[in-house]
Amino acid sequence: MIDGCLATCINKDAASCSTISIHDEHPMKSLIEMPGFGITPYFGEEYLNAPRQSLPKFYKQTGSVYVNRVADFMEAGGVAFVQPWVPYVVSWRGVDIDDEFDLAVADMALRKGLS
């Protein structure tokens, strides 16, 4: 992934590149709590009831790899997404390790060769 991000950044003459993957949960199916109105579809019922496959693809940051040109990174004050930014799409979503359960999931993925 590191080599892929570096190559993408160089080939596209971009200031930064990072890994992204398809979003696990489609954002257009999100619900939001609105004071006085209760829970409601954020994007509208037509999206909430639509088949996921008919909705546009959404991506998320994986947090795995960030590549930046040092001068641009410093000039931007340490911001990871310096323009022009390019994505590097990966199939593995990664695991955010925030607690012992997440660590166990990451350990199992590594043992199964899913990294």
N, C-alpha and C. Protein backbone atom coordinates (compact mmCIF):
# COMPACT_ATOMS: atom_id res chain seq x y z
N MET A 1 0.82 -1.19 0.00
CA MET A 1 0.00 0.00 0.00
C MET A 1 0.87 1.26 0.00
N ILE A 2 1.97 1.21 0.74
CA ILE A 2 2.86 2.37 0.78
C ILE A 2 3.44 2.63 -0.61
N ASP A 3 3.95 1.57 -1.25
CA ASP A 3 4.51 1.72 -2.59
C ASP A 3 3.45 2.21 -3.57
N GLY A 4 2.23 1.69 -3.45
CA GLY A 4 1.14 2.11 -4.34
C GLY A 4 0.79 3.58 -4.17
N CYS A 5 0.74 4.04 -2.93
CA CYS A 5 0.46 5.46 -2.67
C CYS A 5 1.57 6.35 -3.20
N LEU A 6 2.81 5.94 -2.96
CA LEU A 6 3.94 6.72 -3.47
C LEU A 6 3.90 6.82 -4.99
N ALA A 7 3.70 5.68 -5.65
CA ALA A 7 3.66 5.66 -7.12
C ALA A 7 2.51 6.51 -7.65
N THR A 8 1.35 6.42 -7.01
CA THR A 8 0.19 7.20 -7.44
C THR A 8 0.47 8.69 -7.29
N CYS A 9 1.06 9.06 -6.17
CA CYS A 9 1.39 10.47 -5.91
C CYS A 9 2.37 10.99 -6.97
N ILE A 10 3.37 10.20 -7.26
CA ILE A 10 4.39 10.61 -8.24
C ILE A 10 3.79 10.66 -9.65
N ASN A 11 3.08 9.59 -10.05
CA ASN A 11 2.51 9.52 -11.41
C ASN A 11 1.47 10.60 -11.68
N LYS A 12 0.74 11.01 -10.67
CA LYS A 12 -0.30 12.03 -10.83
C LYS A 12 0.21 13.42 -10.47
N ASP A 13 1.49 13.51 -10.11
CA ASP A 13 2.10 14.78 -9.69
C ASP A 13 1.26 15.45 -8.61
N ALA A 14 0.86 14.66 -7.63
CA ALA A 14 0.01 15.15 -6.55
C ALA A 14 0.85 15.50 -5.34
N ALA A 15 0.33 16.40 -4.52
CA ALA A 15 1.01 16.78 -3.28
C ALA A 15 0.77 15.76 -2.18
N SER A 16 -0.36 15.03 -2.26
CA SER A 16 -0.66 14.04 -1.24
C SER A 16 -1.52 12.92 -1.80
N CYS A 17 -1.47 11.78 -1.10
CA CYS A 17 -2.23 10.59 -1.49
C CYS A 17 -2.52 9.82 -0.21
N SER A 18 -3.67 9.19 -0.14
CA SER A 18 -3.98 8.34 1.01
C SER A 18 -4.87 7.19 0.58
N THR A 19 -4.89 6.16 1.42
CA THR A 19 -5.69 4.98 1.13
C THR A 19 -7.15 5.22 1.48
N ILE A 20 -8.03 4.73 0.60
CA ILE A 20 -9.47 4.77 0.83
C ILE A 20 -10.05 3.42 0.44
N SER A 21 -11.24 3.11 0.94
CA SER A 21 -11.93 1.88 0.56
C SER A 21 -13.43 2.17 0.50
N ILE A 22 -14.16 1.24 -0.10
CA ILE A 22 -15.62 1.36 -0.17
C ILE A 22 -16.16 1.43 1.26
N HIS A 23 -17.11 2.31 1.47
CA HIS A 23 -17.72 2.48 2.79
C HIS A 23 -18.53 1.24 3.16
N ASP A 24 -18.36 0.75 4.38
CA ASP A 24 -19.10 -0.43 4.85
C ASP A 24 -20.61 -0.17 4.97
N GLU A 25 -20.93 0.96 5.54
CA GLU A 25 -22.33 1.35 5.75
C GLU A 25 -22.62 2.51 4.81
N HIS A 26 -23.65 2.39 3.99
CA HIS A 26 -23.91 3.45 3.03
C HIS A 26 -24.44 4.70 3.75
N PRO A 27 -23.72 5.84 3.62
CA PRO A 27 -24.13 7.06 4.31
C PRO A 27 -25.53 7.54 3.97
N MET A 28 -26.02 7.25 2.76
CA MET A 28 -27.34 7.73 2.36
C MET A 28 -28.46 6.97 3.07
N LYS A 29 -28.10 5.94 3.82
CA LYS A 29 -29.08 5.20 4.62
C LYS A 29 -29.00 5.59 6.10
N SER A 30 -28.32 6.72 6.37
CA SER A 30 -28.13 7.18 7.74
C SER A 30 -29.39 7.81 8.31
N LEU A 31 -29.50 7.71 9.61
CA LEU A 31 -30.58 8.35 10.36
C LEU A 31 -29.97 9.40 11.27
N ILE A 32 -30.74 10.45 11.58
CA ILE A 32 -30.25 11.51 12.45
C ILE A 32 -31.34 11.86 13.46
N GLU A 33 -30.92 12.23 14.66
CA GLU A 33 -31.88 12.68 15.66
C GLU A 33 -32.06 14.18 15.52
N MET A 34 -33.29 14.60 15.30
CA MET A 34 -33.62 16.01 15.16
C MET A 34 -34.45 16.41 16.38
N PRO A 35 -33.93 17.29 17.21
CA PRO A 35 -34.69 17.70 18.40
C PRO A 35 -36.10 18.16 18.04
N GLY A 36 -37.07 17.58 18.72
CA GLY A 36 -38.47 17.92 18.46
C GLY A 36 -39.11 17.09 17.36
N PHE A 37 -38.29 16.36 16.56
CA PHE A 37 -38.83 15.56 15.46
C PHE A 37 -38.51 14.08 15.60
N GLY A 38 -37.62 13.71 16.50
CA GLY A 38 -37.24 12.32 16.67
C GLY A 38 -36.17 11.89 15.68
N ILE A 39 -36.14 10.61 15.39
CA ILE A 39 -35.17 10.04 14.45
C ILE A 39 -35.75 10.12 13.04
N THR A 40 -34.96 10.62 12.10
CA THR A 40 -35.44 10.79 10.73
C THR A 40 -34.31 10.45 9.75
N PRO A 41 -34.66 10.01 8.53
CA PRO A 41 -33.62 9.75 7.54
C PRO A 41 -32.86 11.04 7.21
N TYR A 42 -31.55 10.98 7.23
CA TYR A 42 -30.72 12.16 6.99
C TYR A 42 -30.83 12.66 5.55
N PHE A 43 -30.84 11.75 4.60
CA PHE A 43 -30.88 12.13 3.18
C PHE A 43 -32.27 12.01 2.57
N GLY A 44 -33.25 11.50 3.31
CA GLY A 44 -34.60 11.34 2.79
C GLY A 44 -34.99 9.88 2.70
N GLU A 45 -36.29 9.63 2.82
CA GLU A 45 -36.79 8.26 2.81
C GLU A 45 -36.52 7.53 1.51
N GLU A 46 -36.49 8.27 0.39
CA GLU A 46 -36.26 7.60 -0.90
C GLU A 46 -34.91 6.89 -0.92
N TYR A 47 -33.91 7.43 -0.21
CA TYR A 47 -32.60 6.78 -0.15
C TYR A 47 -32.59 5.68 0.91
N LEU A 48 -33.29 5.90 1.99
CA LEU A 48 -33.35 4.92 3.06
C LEU A 48 -33.95 3.61 2.56
N ASN A 49 -34.94 3.72 1.69
CA ASN A 49 -35.63 2.54 1.17
C ASN A 49 -35.04 2.01 -0.13
N ALA A 50 -34.09 2.71 -0.72
CA ALA A 50 -33.51 2.30 -2.01
C ALA A 50 -32.57 1.12 -1.82
N PRO A 51 -32.49 0.21 -2.80
CA PRO A 51 -31.49 -0.86 -2.72
C PRO A 51 -30.08 -0.24 -2.71
N ARG A 52 -29.25 -0.71 -1.82
CA ARG A 52 -27.88 -0.19 -1.67
C ARG A 52 -27.14 -0.19 -3.01
N GLN A 53 -27.36 -1.21 -3.83
CA GLN A 53 -26.66 -1.34 -5.10
C GLN A 53 -27.03 -0.25 -6.09
N SER A 54 -28.20 0.40 -5.90
CA SER A 54 -28.63 1.45 -6.82
C SER A 54 -28.08 2.83 -6.42
N LEU A 55 -27.46 2.91 -5.26
CA LEU A 55 -26.93 4.19 -4.77
C LEU A 55 -25.50 4.39 -5.24
N PRO A 56 -25.03 5.65 -5.30
CA PRO A 56 -23.64 5.89 -5.72
C PRO A 56 -22.66 5.28 -4.72
N LYS A 57 -21.47 4.94 -5.20
CA LYS A 57 -20.44 4.38 -4.33
C LYS A 57 -19.92 5.48 -3.40
N PHE A 58 -19.75 5.13 -2.15
CA PHE A 58 -19.15 6.03 -1.17
C PHE A 58 -17.88 5.40 -0.64
N TYR A 59 -16.89 6.21 -0.44
CA TYR A 59 -15.59 5.73 0.05
C TYR A 59 -15.29 6.37 1.40
N LYS A 60 -14.38 5.75 2.14
CA LYS A 60 -13.94 6.30 3.41
C LYS A 60 -12.43 6.17 3.51
N GLN A 61 -11.85 6.99 4.34
CA GLN A 61 -10.42 6.89 4.61
C GLN A 61 -10.16 5.61 5.38
N THR A 62 -9.08 4.92 5.06
CA THR A 62 -8.74 3.74 5.85
C THR A 62 -7.81 4.11 6.99
N GLY A 63 -7.09 5.21 6.86
CA GLY A 63 -6.14 5.60 7.89
C GLY A 63 -4.86 4.80 7.85
N SER A 64 -4.69 3.97 6.81
CA SER A 64 -3.51 3.10 6.72
C SER A 64 -2.27 3.83 6.24
N VAL A 65 -2.41 4.58 5.14
CA VAL A 65 -1.24 5.22 4.53
C VAL A 65 -1.59 6.64 4.12
N TYR A 66 -0.72 7.56 4.48
CA TYR A 66 -0.80 8.95 4.04
C TYR A 66 0.56 9.32 3.45
N VAL A 67 0.58 9.85 2.25
CA VAL A 67 1.81 10.29 1.60
C VAL A 67 1.68 11.79 1.34
N ASN A 68 2.69 12.53 1.71
CA ASN A 68 2.70 13.98 1.47
C ASN A 68 4.09 14.42 1.06
N ARG A 69 4.15 15.41 0.16
CA ARG A 69 5.43 16.05 -0.09
C ARG A 69 5.72 16.90 1.15
N VAL A 70 6.92 16.77 1.68
CA VAL A 70 7.27 17.41 2.95
C VAL A 70 7.04 18.92 2.91
N ALA A 71 7.52 19.58 1.87
CA ALA A 71 7.38 21.04 1.79
C ALA A 71 5.91 21.45 1.80
N ASP A 72 5.07 20.75 1.04
CA ASP A 72 3.64 21.07 1.01
C ASP A 72 2.98 20.80 2.35
N PHE A 73 3.36 19.70 2.97
CA PHE A 73 2.82 19.32 4.28
C PHE A 73 3.15 20.39 5.33
N MET A 74 4.40 20.83 5.33
CA MET A 74 4.82 21.84 6.29
C MET A 74 4.13 23.18 6.02
N GLU A 75 4.04 23.54 4.76
CA GLU A 75 3.40 24.80 4.39
C GLU A 75 1.92 24.81 4.77
N ALA A 76 1.28 23.64 4.70
CA ALA A 76 -0.14 23.52 5.04
C ALA A 76 -0.37 23.39 6.55
N GLY A 77 0.70 23.42 7.31
CA GLY A 77 0.56 23.34 8.76
C GLY A 77 0.30 21.95 9.29
N GLY A 78 0.78 20.94 8.58
CA GLY A 78 0.63 19.57 9.04
C GLY A 78 -0.69 18.92 8.64
N VAL A 79 -1.38 19.50 7.67
CA VAL A 79 -2.63 18.93 7.18
C VAL A 79 -2.32 17.76 6.25
N ALA A 80 -2.99 16.62 6.47
CA ALA A 80 -2.69 15.41 5.68
C ALA A 80 -3.17 15.50 4.24
N PHE A 81 -4.28 16.19 3.98
CA PHE A 81 -4.85 16.24 2.64
C PHE A 81 -4.47 17.55 1.97
N VAL A 82 -3.25 17.61 1.48
CA VAL A 82 -2.77 18.79 0.77
C VAL A 82 -3.19 18.65 -0.69
N GLN A 83 -3.75 19.70 -1.25
CA GLN A 83 -4.18 19.67 -2.66
C GLN A 83 -3.00 19.93 -3.58
N PRO A 84 -2.91 19.30 -4.73
CA PRO A 84 -3.85 18.31 -5.21
C PRO A 84 -3.64 16.95 -4.53
N TRP A 85 -4.74 16.40 -4.02
CA TRP A 85 -4.76 15.11 -3.35
C TRP A 85 -5.30 14.06 -4.30
N VAL A 86 -4.76 12.85 -4.25
CA VAL A 86 -5.29 11.74 -5.05
C VAL A 86 -5.52 10.54 -4.13
N PRO A 87 -6.57 9.76 -4.41
CA PRO A 87 -6.84 8.58 -3.59
C PRO A 87 -6.10 7.35 -4.12
N TYR A 88 -5.87 6.41 -3.22
CA TYR A 88 -5.36 5.10 -3.59
C TYR A 88 -6.38 4.10 -3.03
N VAL A 89 -7.19 3.50 -3.90
CA VAL A 89 -8.27 2.62 -3.48
C VAL A 89 -7.72 1.24 -3.13
N VAL A 90 -8.06 0.77 -1.93
CA VAL A 90 -7.65 -0.57 -1.48
C VAL A 90 -8.90 -1.39 -1.18
N SER A 91 -8.79 -2.70 -1.29
CA SER A 91 -9.95 -3.56 -1.02
C SER A 91 -10.10 -3.85 0.46
N TRP A 92 -8.99 -3.90 1.19
CA TRP A 92 -9.07 -4.19 2.61
C TRP A 92 -9.40 -2.92 3.36
N ARG A 93 -10.44 -2.98 4.19
CA ARG A 93 -10.91 -1.80 4.89
C ARG A 93 -10.05 -1.43 6.09
N GLY A 94 -9.28 -2.36 6.59
CA GLY A 94 -8.50 -2.10 7.79
C GLY A 94 -9.35 -2.22 9.03
N VAL A 95 -8.71 -2.09 10.16
CA VAL A 95 -9.40 -2.19 11.44
C VAL A 95 -8.93 -1.03 12.32
N ASP A 96 -9.87 -0.23 12.77
CA ASP A 96 -9.53 0.80 13.76
C ASP A 96 -9.40 0.11 15.11
N ILE A 97 -8.25 0.21 15.72
CA ILE A 97 -8.03 -0.45 17.00
C ILE A 97 -8.21 0.57 18.11
N ASP A 98 -9.40 0.51 18.74
CA ASP A 98 -9.74 1.42 19.82
C ASP A 98 -9.90 0.71 21.16
N ASP A 99 -10.07 -0.62 21.13
CA ASP A 99 -10.24 -1.36 22.37
C ASP A 99 -9.77 -2.81 22.16
N GLU A 100 -9.91 -3.63 23.20
CA GLU A 100 -9.43 -5.02 23.13
C GLU A 100 -10.15 -5.84 22.07
N PHE A 101 -11.44 -5.59 21.86
CA PHE A 101 -12.19 -6.31 20.84
C PHE A 101 -11.61 -6.02 19.46
N ASP A 102 -11.37 -4.74 19.17
CA ASP A 102 -10.78 -4.36 17.88
C ASP A 102 -9.42 -5.01 17.69
N LEU A 103 -8.62 -5.07 18.77
CA LEU A 103 -7.31 -5.71 18.69
C LEU A 103 -7.46 -7.19 18.37
N ALA A 104 -8.45 -7.86 18.94
CA ALA A 104 -8.69 -9.28 18.65
C ALA A 104 -9.10 -9.47 17.19
N VAL A 105 -9.93 -8.57 16.67
CA VAL A 105 -10.35 -8.65 15.26
C VAL A 105 -9.14 -8.48 14.35
N ALA A 106 -8.29 -7.50 14.64
CA ALA A 106 -7.08 -7.27 13.84
C ALA A 106 -6.15 -8.47 13.92
N ASP A 107 -6.00 -9.05 15.10
CA ASP A 107 -5.14 -10.22 15.27
C ASP A 107 -5.67 -11.40 14.45
N MET A 108 -7.00 -11.62 14.48
CA MET A 108 -7.59 -12.70 13.71
C MET A 108 -7.39 -12.47 12.21
N ALA A 109 -7.56 -11.23 11.75
CA ALA A 109 -7.38 -10.92 10.33
C ALA A 109 -5.94 -11.20 9.90
N LEU A 110 -4.99 -10.83 10.73
CA LEU A 110 -3.57 -11.09 10.42
C LEU A 110 -3.30 -12.59 10.38
N ARG A 111 -3.83 -13.33 11.35
CA ARG A 111 -3.62 -14.79 11.41
C ARG A 111 -4.23 -15.50 10.21
N LYS A 112 -5.36 -14.96 9.71
CA LYS A 112 -6.04 -15.57 8.56
C LYS A 112 -5.47 -15.07 7.23
N GLY A 113 -4.50 -14.17 7.30
CA GLY A 113 -3.91 -13.64 6.07
C GLY A 113 -4.80 -12.65 5.36
N LEU A 114 -5.64 -11.95 6.10
CA LEU A 114 -6.58 -11.00 5.50
C LEU A 114 -6.03 -9.59 5.47
N SER A 115 -4.77 -9.43 5.75
CA SER A 115 -4.21 -8.07 5.79
C SER A 115 -3.83 -7.60 4.41
